């Protein structure tokens, strides 16, 4: 199951840089994860400074 980024995202970009499959992109309100590309490795959630990433 893919991870999701919630509204607590501060748009720092740490998660996007860490994603090995480039599944994360900047959305209008916060970064977003493409569930079709996400490999559920959790690398993004490990680097999120505000804990805005969780399993869907």
N, C-alpha and C. Protein backbone atom coordinates (compact mmCIF):
# COMPACT_ATOMS: atom_id res chain seq x y z
N UNK A 1 0.85 -1.17 0.00
CA UNK A 1 0.00 0.00 0.00
C UNK A 1 0.90 1.24 0.00
N UNK A 2 0.59 2.19 -0.82
CA UNK A 2 1.39 3.41 -0.95
C UNK A 2 1.28 4.29 0.28
N UNK A 3 2.26 5.14 0.46
CA UNK A 3 2.24 6.12 1.53
C UNK A 3 1.50 7.37 1.04
N UNK A 4 1.05 8.19 1.99
CA UNK A 4 0.36 9.44 1.67
C UNK A 4 0.96 10.56 2.51
N UNK A 5 0.86 11.77 1.98
CA UNK A 5 1.33 12.96 2.68
C UNK A 5 0.11 13.77 3.08
N UNK A 6 0.01 14.11 4.36
CA UNK A 6 -1.17 14.84 4.84
C UNK A 6 -0.93 16.35 4.86
N UNK A 7 -1.93 17.08 5.35
CA UNK A 7 -1.91 18.54 5.34
C UNK A 7 -0.88 19.15 6.28
N UNK A 8 -0.24 18.35 7.11
CA UNK A 8 0.80 18.87 8.00
C UNK A 8 2.12 19.12 7.25
N UNK A 9 2.19 18.72 5.99
CA UNK A 9 3.38 18.91 5.16
C UNK A 9 3.75 20.40 5.10
N UNK A 10 5.03 20.68 5.31
CA UNK A 10 5.52 22.06 5.26
C UNK A 10 6.24 22.36 3.94
N UNK A 11 6.16 21.45 3.00
CA UNK A 11 6.74 21.62 1.66
C UNK A 11 8.24 21.89 1.70
N UNK A 12 8.95 21.14 2.53
CA UNK A 12 10.40 21.33 2.64
C UNK A 12 11.17 20.62 1.53
N UNK A 13 10.56 19.57 0.94
CA UNK A 13 11.19 18.86 -0.17
C UNK A 13 12.09 17.70 0.23
N UNK A 14 12.24 17.46 1.51
CA UNK A 14 13.12 16.37 1.96
C UNK A 14 12.65 15.02 1.42
N UNK A 15 11.36 14.80 1.41
CA UNK A 15 10.82 13.52 0.96
C UNK A 15 11.04 13.31 -0.54
N UNK A 16 10.85 14.36 -1.31
CA UNK A 16 11.01 14.25 -2.76
C UNK A 16 12.44 13.85 -3.12
N UNK A 17 13.40 14.45 -2.44
CA UNK A 17 14.81 14.15 -2.71
C UNK A 17 15.17 12.73 -2.31
N UNK A 18 14.49 12.17 -1.33
CA UNK A 18 14.81 10.84 -0.81
C UNK A 18 14.15 9.70 -1.60
N UNK A 19 13.07 9.97 -2.32
CA UNK A 19 12.32 8.92 -3.00
C UNK A 19 13.13 8.28 -4.13
N UNK A 20 13.38 6.96 -4.06
CA UNK A 20 14.21 6.30 -5.07
C UNK A 20 13.52 6.09 -6.42
N UNK A 21 12.19 6.25 -6.46
CA UNK A 21 11.47 6.03 -7.72
C UNK A 21 10.77 7.29 -8.24
N UNK A 22 11.10 8.43 -7.66
CA UNK A 22 10.52 9.72 -8.07
C UNK A 22 8.99 9.72 -8.07
N UNK A 23 8.40 9.17 -7.01
CA UNK A 23 6.94 9.10 -6.89
C UNK A 23 6.36 10.34 -6.22
N UNK A 24 7.20 11.25 -5.76
CA UNK A 24 6.73 12.42 -5.00
C UNK A 24 6.90 13.68 -5.82
N UNK A 25 5.85 14.50 -5.83
CA UNK A 25 5.90 15.77 -6.54
C UNK A 25 5.20 16.84 -5.72
N UNK A 26 5.52 18.09 -6.02
CA UNK A 26 4.93 19.20 -5.28
C UNK A 26 3.52 19.47 -5.78
N UNK A 27 2.57 19.43 -4.87
CA UNK A 27 1.18 19.73 -5.19
C UNK A 27 0.85 21.16 -4.79
N UNK A 28 -0.38 21.56 -4.97
CA UNK A 28 -0.80 22.92 -4.66
C UNK A 28 -0.71 23.22 -3.16
N UNK A 29 -1.15 22.30 -2.34
CA UNK A 29 -1.17 22.52 -0.89
C UNK A 29 0.00 21.85 -0.17
N UNK A 30 0.44 20.70 -0.66
CA UNK A 30 1.53 19.95 -0.06
C UNK A 30 2.09 18.98 -1.08
N UNK A 31 3.19 18.32 -0.74
CA UNK A 31 3.74 17.32 -1.65
C UNK A 31 2.76 16.15 -1.74
N UNK A 32 2.81 15.44 -2.87
CA UNK A 32 1.90 14.31 -3.10
C UNK A 32 2.69 13.10 -3.58
N UNK A 33 2.18 11.93 -3.25
CA UNK A 33 2.82 10.68 -3.65
C UNK A 33 1.93 9.99 -4.68
N UNK A 34 2.51 9.62 -5.81
CA UNK A 34 1.78 8.88 -6.85
C UNK A 34 1.69 7.43 -6.39
N UNK A 35 0.48 6.96 -6.07
CA UNK A 35 0.34 5.59 -5.54
C UNK A 35 0.71 4.50 -6.55
N UNK A 36 0.66 4.82 -7.83
CA UNK A 36 1.01 3.83 -8.84
C UNK A 36 2.52 3.67 -8.98
N UNK A 37 3.27 4.66 -8.55
CA UNK A 37 4.73 4.63 -8.65
C UNK A 37 5.38 4.24 -7.34
N UNK A 38 4.75 4.58 -6.23
CA UNK A 38 5.30 4.32 -4.89
C UNK A 38 5.57 2.82 -4.69
N UNK A 39 6.76 2.50 -4.18
CA UNK A 39 7.12 1.10 -3.91
C UNK A 39 7.04 0.78 -2.42
N UNK A 40 6.49 1.70 -1.63
CA UNK A 40 6.25 1.49 -0.20
C UNK A 40 7.53 1.20 0.58
N UNK A 41 8.59 1.91 0.24
CA UNK A 41 9.87 1.68 0.92
C UNK A 41 9.98 2.47 2.22
N UNK A 42 9.17 3.49 2.39
CA UNK A 42 9.13 4.34 3.59
C UNK A 42 10.34 5.26 3.75
N UNK A 43 11.15 5.39 2.73
CA UNK A 43 12.31 6.30 2.80
C UNK A 43 11.83 7.73 3.04
N UNK A 44 10.72 8.09 2.46
CA UNK A 44 10.18 9.45 2.60
C UNK A 44 9.74 9.73 4.03
N UNK A 45 9.06 8.78 4.64
CA UNK A 45 8.56 9.01 6.00
C UNK A 45 9.69 9.09 7.00
N UNK A 46 10.79 8.42 6.73
CA UNK A 46 11.94 8.46 7.63
C UNK A 46 12.59 9.84 7.67
N UNK A 47 12.49 10.62 6.59
CA UNK A 47 13.14 11.93 6.56
C UNK A 47 12.20 13.10 6.80
N UNK A 48 10.90 12.85 6.87
CA UNK A 48 9.95 13.95 7.05
C UNK A 48 10.10 14.58 8.45
N UNK A 49 10.44 15.87 8.52
CA UNK A 49 10.69 16.49 9.82
C UNK A 49 9.43 16.74 10.65
N UNK A 50 8.26 16.67 10.03
CA UNK A 50 7.02 16.94 10.77
C UNK A 50 6.11 15.72 10.86
N UNK A 51 6.54 14.58 10.38
CA UNK A 51 5.74 13.36 10.46
C UNK A 51 4.47 13.39 9.64
N UNK A 52 4.53 14.04 8.47
CA UNK A 52 3.34 14.21 7.64
C UNK A 52 3.08 13.05 6.68
N UNK A 53 3.91 12.01 6.74
CA UNK A 53 3.79 10.89 5.79
C UNK A 53 3.44 9.62 6.56
N UNK A 54 2.42 8.92 6.06
CA UNK A 54 2.00 7.68 6.70
C UNK A 54 1.53 6.70 5.64
N UNK A 55 1.29 5.47 6.05
CA UNK A 55 0.75 4.47 5.13
C UNK A 55 -0.70 4.81 4.84
N UNK A 56 -1.09 4.59 3.59
CA UNK A 56 -2.47 4.90 3.19
C UNK A 56 -3.44 3.92 3.80
